[in-house]
Amino acid sequence: MSRITAVATARLVRDLHTPFVTALRRTSQVSSVVVRVTDADGRSGYGEAPQVWRVTGESLESIEACVRGPLADALVGFDPAGAEPDSAVRLLERAVVGNGGARAACEIAVVDLLARASGMTLSAFLGGQVDSVRTDVTISADGGAWSPERLASAGFDRAKIKVGLDPSDIDRVIAIHAAVPGVPVRLDANQGWDLAGASAAVEAMLAAGVGLEFLEQPLPAWDLAGHAELRRRFGVPIVLDESVFGIHDLHRAIDAGAGDIVNIKLAKCGGLYAGLEIAKEAFAADLEVMVGSMMESELGTSAAAALASAVAPGHVHDLDAAWWSIDLADAGTPYREGRFRLAHSPGLTHAQQRVMPSFAVA
């Protein structure tokens, strides 16, 4: 393997089959930037960065500018095979502040390149030993086209219900629980409540007999003390998502006793090896991890699934992003029976072939 000679970007925009609605946003499209890095031997690796204004603050334009500017400057001439496995993450962290999605797409592309050169799947390259991971499916905050039949026909046995828009959320959760009583209830408020509102919601649901598997990010990201208080009051596991972007956020959350589970997302933390570091530190502090996704295509979701297979292969993760924009009748879809199936080809080859955008070279 040889030095990186080129970095290129391509926009990927495609429609969702159902609008995706949370307390933070409503979208009807996948909108992301795919990154390709190429080495002197002509091999290429790929990564993806989603546009999520209300979480990472990045746009398609800002991702492209960051990748094709300072990140390309840092990568061109870099020899990933002659460095430590996490060296690309560190190199990119020094190149820019923030821009987690752009950094993640570049780092994933470099690691994908290494995996392909080794003839390994990305999962195996990261240490994973399974060919699929379980995932939940999201039920939008507006109810969307949800029905028990649709959940069953899609093969999922775990759902995550988006809440935080208005008080009717509680009645909706209770109704969903009654319709599928055997499905554990995962809730995600995306920072939509305050402490009083979250407490009232949890009390009402528990009184109605709803068994809560966990409550994800009920309060604003900064309110670690409030999350700790919710844990104390109800004993319902708290998942931290927007509160934990990187390792320093994790340390602050641990010190505050704010959560039980950390949702690791590549576009937040900046890459695969940053995700591995967060998982290691979380486990050391007796926290669990869940790997999530942010309305990416199969490419970005496959990278997240590879991380999930390496850090927590037996857990149920949150990897349904690509499900919202693919034809489920397609025999090549990675979603089968509530699992995300990892390809057997080197790197992210299979996922990249399903995306196939046109690239502009930096």
Protein backbone atom coordinates (compact mmCIF):
# COMPACT_ATOMS: atom_id res chain seq x y z
CA MET A 1 0.00 0.00 0.00
CA SER A 2 1.18 3.55 -0.70
CA ARG A 3 0.47 7.17 0.10
CA ILE A 4 -2.88 8.87 -0.47
CA THR A 5 -2.83 10.88 -3.68
CA ALA A 6 -6.37 12.23 -4.03
CA VAL A 7 -9.49 13.09 -2.04
CA ALA A 8 -12.84 13.52 -3.79
CA THR A 9 -16.43 14.26 -2.76
CA ALA A 10 -19.88 13.55 -4.16
CA ARG A 11 -23.32 14.59 -3.00
CA LEU A 12 -25.86 11.87 -2.29
CA VAL A 13 -29.51 12.95 -2.14
CA ARG A 14 -32.40 10.49 -2.27
CA ASP A 15 -35.98 10.39 -1.06
CA LEU A 16 -37.22 8.58 2.02
CA HIS A 17 -40.23 6.29 1.69
CA THR A 18 -41.73 7.96 4.82
CA PRO A 19 -40.94 11.39 6.34
CA PHE A 20 -38.64 11.16 9.35
CA VAL A 21 -39.75 13.41 12.22
CA THR A 22 -38.08 14.05 15.58
CA ALA A 23 -38.21 16.81 18.20
CA LEU A 24 -35.25 18.37 16.39
CA ARG A 25 -36.15 18.11 12.73
CA ARG A 26 -38.29 16.80 9.89
CA THR A 27 -36.71 15.42 6.73
CA SER A 28 -37.90 13.57 3.65
CA GLN A 29 -34.46 12.92 2.15
CA VAL A 30 -31.05 11.46 2.73
CA SER A 31 -28.69 14.40 2.19
CA SER A 32 -25.04 13.51 2.59
CA VAL A 33 -21.56 13.81 1.17
CA VAL A 34 -19.64 10.70 0.14
CA VAL A 35 -15.86 10.93 0.40
CA ARG A 36 -13.41 8.90 -1.68
CA VAL A 37 -9.70 8.66 -0.93
CA THR A 38 -7.33 7.11 -3.48
CA ASP A 39 -3.77 5.88 -3.05
CA ALA A 40 -0.86 5.77 -5.50
CA ASP A 41 -1.67 2.15 -6.37
CA GLY A 42 -5.15 3.14 -7.56
CA ARG A 43 -7.08 1.67 -4.62
CA SER A 44 -9.94 3.71 -3.15
CA GLY A 45 -11.78 3.82 0.17
CA TYR A 46 -15.13 5.46 0.94
CA GLY A 47 -16.94 7.23 3.78
CA GLU A 48 -20.13 9.25 4.23
CA ALA A 49 -21.07 12.41 6.16
CA PRO A 50 -24.76 13.28 6.62
CA GLN A 51 -26.14 16.82 6.70
CA VAL A 52 -27.75 17.21 10.13
CA TRP A 53 -28.05 20.91 10.92
CA ARG A 54 -29.60 20.48 14.36
CA VAL A 55 -27.08 17.95 15.67
CA THR A 56 -23.65 18.38 14.09
CA GLY A 57 -24.27 21.82 12.58
CA GLU A 58 -22.85 20.69 9.24
CA SER A 59 -24.34 21.32 5.79
CA LEU A 60 -23.54 19.71 2.46
CA GLU A 61 -21.62 22.84 1.54
CA SER A 62 -19.62 22.99 4.76
CA ILE A 63 -18.77 19.28 4.59
CA GLU A 64 -17.53 19.65 1.03
CA ALA A 65 -15.49 22.74 1.89
CA CYS A 66 -13.92 21.06 4.91
CA VAL A 67 -13.13 17.80 3.11
CA ARG A 68 -11.79 19.37 -0.05
CA GLY A 69 -9.83 22.00 1.90
CA PRO A 70 -8.02 21.33 5.20
CA LEU A 71 -8.83 17.62 5.44
CA ALA A 72 -7.60 16.90 1.91
CA ASP A 73 -4.49 18.95 2.68
CA ALA A 74 -3.86 16.74 5.71
CA LEU A 75 -4.49 13.44 3.91
CA VAL A 76 -2.71 13.85 0.58
CA GLY A 77 0.77 12.39 1.04
CA PHE A 78 -0.24 10.47 4.18
CA ASP A 79 0.68 6.77 4.24
CA PRO A 80 -1.92 5.04 6.47
CA ALA A 81 -0.22 1.66 6.22
CA GLY A 82 2.92 3.03 7.78
CA ALA A 83 1.17 4.56 10.80
CA GLU A 84 -0.75 3.46 13.89
CA PRO A 85 -4.37 2.32 13.28
CA ASP A 86 -5.86 5.44 14.87
CA SER A 87 -3.46 7.84 13.20
CA ALA A 88 -5.98 9.11 10.64
CA VAL A 89 -8.37 10.20 13.41
CA ARG A 90 -5.58 12.11 15.16
CA LEU A 91 -4.34 13.67 11.91
CA LEU A 92 -7.81 14.94 11.04
CA GLU A 93 -8.47 16.18 14.59
CA ARG A 94 -5.42 18.41 14.25
CA ALA A 95 -6.58 19.75 10.89
CA VAL A 96 -9.90 21.29 11.96
CA VAL A 97 -12.04 22.07 14.99
CA GLY A 98 -15.45 20.40 15.07
CA ASN A 99 -16.73 19.19 11.69
CA GLY A 100 -17.25 15.70 13.09
CA GLY A 101 -19.15 14.38 10.08
CA ALA A 102 -16.54 15.57 7.59
CA ARG A 103 -13.73 14.13 9.70
CA ALA A 104 -15.58 10.86 10.14
CA ALA A 105 -16.19 10.43 6.41
CA CYS A 106 -12.51 10.96 5.68
CA GLU A 107 -11.31 8.66 8.46
CA ILE A 108 -13.77 5.91 7.47
CA ALA A 109 -12.55 6.19 3.89
CA VAL A 110 -8.94 5.75 5.04
CA VAL A 111 -9.80 2.74 7.23
CA ASP A 112 -11.89 1.31 4.38
CA LEU A 113 -8.84 1.67 2.14
CA LEU A 114 -6.72 -0.22 4.68
CA ALA A 115 -9.31 -2.99 4.99
CA ARG A 116 -9.54 -3.41 1.22
CA ALA A 117 -5.76 -3.55 0.90
CA SER A 118 -5.77 -6.28 3.56
CA GLY A 119 -8.56 -8.20 1.80
CA MET A 120 -10.73 -7.92 4.92
CA THR A 121 -14.24 -6.68 5.57
CA LEU A 122 -14.35 -3.46 7.55
CA SER A 123 -15.96 -5.34 10.42
CA ALA A 124 -13.18 -7.94 10.56
CA PHE A 125 -10.53 -5.22 10.23
CA LEU A 126 -11.95 -3.58 13.37
CA GLY A 127 -12.05 -6.89 15.22
CA GLY A 128 -15.67 -7.89 14.60
CA GLN A 129 -16.49 -11.58 14.27
CA VAL A 130 -20.19 -11.58 13.37
CA ASP A 131 -21.91 -11.19 10.00
CA SER A 132 -24.91 -9.18 11.24
CA VAL A 133 -26.06 -7.03 14.15
CA ARG A 134 -29.54 -6.47 15.54
CA THR A 135 -31.16 -3.08 15.09
CA ASP A 136 -34.31 -1.33 16.15
CA VAL A 137 -36.52 0.68 13.81
CA THR A 138 -37.63 4.24 14.53
CA ILE A 139 -41.24 5.35 14.85
CA SER A 140 -41.36 9.05 13.96
CA ALA A 141 -42.57 11.66 16.42
CA ASP A 142 -45.65 12.35 14.27
CA GLY A 143 -46.63 8.69 14.11
CA GLY A 144 -45.93 8.64 10.38
CA ALA A 145 -47.13 5.52 8.60
CA TRP A 146 -46.56 3.34 11.65
CA SER A 147 -48.70 0.29 12.29
CA PRO A 148 -48.10 -3.01 14.11
CA GLU A 149 -48.41 -4.79 10.77
CA ARG A 150 -45.72 -2.64 9.18
CA LEU A 151 -43.36 -3.26 12.08
CA ALA A 152 -43.89 -7.01 11.80
CA SER A 153 -43.69 -7.13 8.01
CA ALA A 154 -40.35 -5.27 8.08
CA GLY A 155 -39.01 -7.97 10.39
CA PHE A 156 -38.11 -5.73 13.34
CA ASP A 157 -38.72 -6.88 16.91
CA ARG A 158 -37.52 -3.67 18.56
CA ALA A 159 -38.80 -0.12 18.01
CA LYS A 160 -37.55 3.27 19.16
CA ILE A 161 -40.35 5.80 19.48
CA LYS A 162 -39.52 9.45 18.88
CA VAL A 163 -41.16 11.80 21.40
CA GLY A 164 -40.72 15.36 22.62
CA LEU A 165 -42.99 17.28 20.27
CA ASP A 166 -46.11 17.70 22.45
CA PRO A 167 -47.97 16.16 25.42
CA SER A 168 -49.92 13.78 23.15
CA ASP A 169 -46.66 11.84 22.86
CA ILE A 170 -47.57 9.99 26.03
CA ASP A 171 -50.93 8.74 24.75
CA ARG A 172 -49.25 7.67 21.52
CA VAL A 173 -46.59 5.66 23.37
CA ILE A 174 -49.22 3.98 25.54
CA ALA A 175 -51.26 3.11 22.42
CA ILE A 176 -48.23 1.65 20.64
CA HIS A 177 -47.34 -0.39 23.71
CA ALA A 178 -50.90 -1.75 23.84
CA ALA A 179 -50.76 -2.66 20.15
CA VAL A 180 -47.45 -4.54 20.42
CA PRO A 181 -47.16 -5.47 24.11
CA GLY A 182 -44.28 -7.86 23.53
CA VAL A 183 -42.02 -5.20 21.98
CA PRO A 184 -39.79 -3.41 24.53
CA VAL A 185 -40.32 0.35 24.49
CA ARG A 186 -37.37 2.57 23.66
CA LEU A 187 -38.03 6.31 23.81
CA ASP A 188 -35.98 9.10 22.27
CA ALA A 189 -36.93 12.71 23.05
CA ASN A 190 -33.99 14.34 21.20
CA GLN A 191 -33.69 16.98 23.98
CA GLY A 192 -37.39 17.82 23.65
CA TRP A 193 -38.32 17.90 27.36
CA ASP A 194 -37.29 19.71 30.51
CA LEU A 195 -36.92 17.91 33.84
CA ALA A 196 -40.51 18.50 34.93
CA GLY A 197 -41.94 17.42 31.58
CA ALA A 198 -39.77 14.32 31.40
CA SER A 199 -40.70 13.34 34.96
CA ALA A 200 -44.43 13.72 34.27
CA ALA A 201 -44.11 11.70 31.06
CA VAL A 202 -42.24 8.85 32.71
CA GLU A 203 -44.68 8.77 35.64
CA ALA A 204 -47.66 8.57 33.27
CA MET A 205 -46.15 5.80 31.18
CA LEU A 206 -45.07 3.72 34.14
CA ALA A 207 -48.54 4.14 35.69
CA ALA A 208 -50.02 2.82 32.42
CA GLY A 209 -47.85 -0.28 32.65
CA VAL A 210 -45.43 0.67 29.89
CA GLY A 211 -42.11 -1.06 30.46
CA LEU A 212 -39.40 1.34 29.38
CA GLU A 213 -36.22 -0.30 28.11
CA PHE A 214 -34.57 3.11 28.10
CA LEU A 215 -35.13 6.85 27.72
CA GLU A 216 -32.78 8.54 25.28
CA GLN A 217 -31.67 12.16 25.57
CA PRO A 218 -34.82 13.46 27.29
CA LEU A 219 -33.23 16.78 28.29
CA PRO A 220 -31.00 19.39 26.61
CA ALA A 221 -27.48 18.16 25.91
CA TRP A 222 -25.94 20.46 28.53
CA ASP A 223 -28.21 19.30 31.37
CA LEU A 224 -26.14 16.46 32.80
CA ALA A 225 -27.43 17.15 36.31
CA GLY A 226 -31.02 16.80 35.10
CA HIS A 227 -30.27 13.47 33.48
CA ALA A 228 -28.65 12.27 36.70
CA GLU A 229 -31.78 13.32 38.62
CA LEU A 230 -34.04 11.38 36.25
CA ARG A 231 -31.92 8.27 36.83
CA ARG A 232 -32.25 8.75 40.59
CA ARG A 233 -36.01 9.30 40.53
CA PHE A 234 -37.14 6.47 38.28
CA GLY A 235 -34.34 3.97 37.73
CA VAL A 236 -35.10 3.95 34.00
CA PRO A 237 -31.83 3.63 32.02
CA ILE A 238 -30.80 6.90 30.38
CA VAL A 239 -29.14 6.92 26.97
CA LEU A 240 -26.93 9.91 26.20
CA ASP A 241 -26.76 10.90 22.55
CA GLU A 242 -26.40 14.63 21.91
CA SER A 243 -24.72 15.01 25.31
CA VAL A 244 -21.75 12.90 24.17
CA PHE A 245 -19.95 13.78 20.98
CA GLY A 246 -16.43 12.78 21.98
CA ILE A 247 -14.30 11.33 24.72
CA HIS A 248 -14.18 14.52 26.82
CA ASP A 249 -17.98 14.77 26.79
CA LEU A 250 -18.09 11.15 27.94
CA HIS A 251 -15.79 11.86 30.87
CA ARG A 252 -17.98 14.78 31.97
CA ALA A 253 -21.10 12.61 31.73
CA ILE A 254 -19.46 9.85 33.77
CA ASP A 255 -18.39 12.33 36.45
CA ALA A 256 -21.96 13.65 36.62
CA GLY A 257 -23.53 10.19 36.79
CA ALA A 258 -25.75 11.30 33.92
CA GLY A 259 -26.34 8.11 31.95
CA ASP A 260 -26.32 4.35 31.66
CA ILE A 261 -25.80 3.94 27.92
CA VAL A 262 -23.90 5.99 25.33
CA ASN A 263 -25.13 6.30 21.75
CA ILE A 264 -22.00 6.39 19.59
CA LYS A 265 -22.47 8.02 16.20
CA LEU A 266 -19.60 8.37 13.76
CA ALA A 267 -20.67 11.83 12.57
CA LYS A 268 -20.52 13.06 16.16
CA CYS A 269 -17.25 11.53 17.34
CA GLY A 270 -15.23 11.88 14.14
CA GLY A 271 -14.52 8.32 13.06
CA LEU A 272 -14.26 4.61 13.74
CA TYR A 273 -11.25 4.70 16.03
CA ALA A 274 -12.75 7.57 18.02
CA GLY A 275 -15.83 5.37 18.40
CA LEU A 276 -13.70 2.46 19.59
CA GLU A 277 -12.09 4.75 22.18
CA ILE A 278 -15.47 5.94 23.48
CA ALA A 279 -16.70 2.35 23.77
CA LYS A 280 -13.59 1.30 25.68
CA GLU A 281 -13.91 4.17 28.15
CA ALA A 282 -17.66 3.62 28.56
CA PHE A 283 -17.21 -0.07 29.36
CA ALA A 284 -14.46 0.80 31.84
CA ALA A 285 -16.97 3.02 33.65
CA ASP A 286 -19.65 0.27 33.64
CA LEU A 287 -21.73 2.01 30.98
CA GLU A 288 -23.23 0.20 27.98
CA VAL A 289 -22.96 1.39 24.40
CA MET A 290 -25.30 1.52 21.43
CA VAL A 291 -24.10 2.44 17.95
CA GLY A 292 -26.43 4.78 16.10
CA SER A 293 -26.80 6.36 12.67
CA MET A 294 -27.95 9.70 11.24
CA MET A 295 -30.06 9.30 8.10
CA GLU A 296 -27.20 7.96 6.03
CA SER A 297 -27.25 5.59 3.07
CA GLU A 298 -26.05 1.97 3.22
CA LEU A 299 -22.49 3.28 3.03
CA GLY A 300 -22.47 5.26 6.28
CA THR A 301 -24.75 2.77 8.03
CA SER A 302 -22.49 -0.13 7.04
CA ALA A 303 -19.54 1.64 8.65
CA ALA A 304 -21.56 2.13 11.85
CA ALA A 305 -22.64 -1.52 11.76
CA ALA A 306 -19.00 -2.58 11.42
CA LEU A 307 -18.21 -0.61 14.58
CA ALA A 308 -21.21 -2.17 16.35
CA SER A 309 -20.01 -5.65 15.39
CA ALA A 310 -16.63 -4.91 16.96
CA VAL A 311 -17.68 -3.25 20.23
CA ALA A 312 -21.04 -4.83 21.14
CA PRO A 313 -22.08 -7.61 18.74
CA GLY A 314 -24.79 -8.93 21.06
CA HIS A 315 -26.57 -5.62 21.65
CA VAL A 316 -29.56 -4.18 19.79
CA HIS A 317 -28.26 -1.07 18.03
CA ASP A 318 -29.91 1.87 16.26
CA LEU A 319 -28.93 1.29 12.64
CA ASP A 320 -32.15 1.78 10.70
CA ALA A 321 -31.05 4.97 8.86
CA ALA A 322 -30.62 3.34 5.45
CA TRP A 323 -33.91 1.47 5.83
CA TRP A 324 -35.81 4.73 5.31
CA SER A 325 -34.52 5.21 1.75
CA ILE A 326 -34.16 1.72 0.26
CA ASP A 327 -36.56 -0.59 -1.53
CA LEU A 328 -37.17 -3.37 0.97
CA ALA A 329 -38.14 -5.70 -1.88
CA ASP A 330 -34.56 -5.41 -3.14
CA ALA A 331 -32.81 -8.72 -2.47
CA GLY A 332 -29.59 -6.82 -1.83
CA THR A 333 -30.89 -4.77 1.09
CA PRO A 334 -28.86 -5.28 4.28
CA TYR A 335 -32.04 -5.39 6.41
CA ARG A 336 -33.39 -8.86 7.11
CA GLU A 337 -35.37 -10.08 10.13
CA GLY A 338 -34.51 -7.10 12.31
CA ARG A 339 -30.79 -7.33 11.61
CA PHE A 340 -28.32 -5.31 9.57
CA ARG A 341 -26.27 -7.77 7.54
CA LEU A 342 -22.62 -7.00 6.93
CA ALA A 343 -21.20 -7.71 3.48
CA HIS A 344 -18.55 -10.37 2.95
CA SER A 345 -16.55 -8.36 0.40
CA PRO A 346 -13.44 -6.37 1.41
CA GLY A 347 -13.96 -3.02 3.08
CA LEU A 348 -17.26 -1.31 2.31
CA THR A 349 -17.24 -2.51 -1.31
CA HIS A 350 -20.80 -3.80 -1.42
CA ALA A 351 -22.26 -0.68 0.23
CA GLN A 352 -20.24 1.60 -2.04
CA GLN A 353 -21.46 -0.22 -5.15
CA ARG A 354 -25.08 0.36 -4.06
CA VAL A 355 -24.49 4.14 -3.77
CA MET A 356 -22.32 4.93 -6.84
CA PRO A 357 -22.32 8.77 -6.91
CA SER A 358 -20.25 10.96 -9.25
CA PHE A 359 -17.18 12.49 -7.65
CA ALA A 360 -15.45 15.85 -7.85
CA VAL A 361 -11.75 15.73 -7.00
CA ALA A 362 -10.37 18.13 -4.41
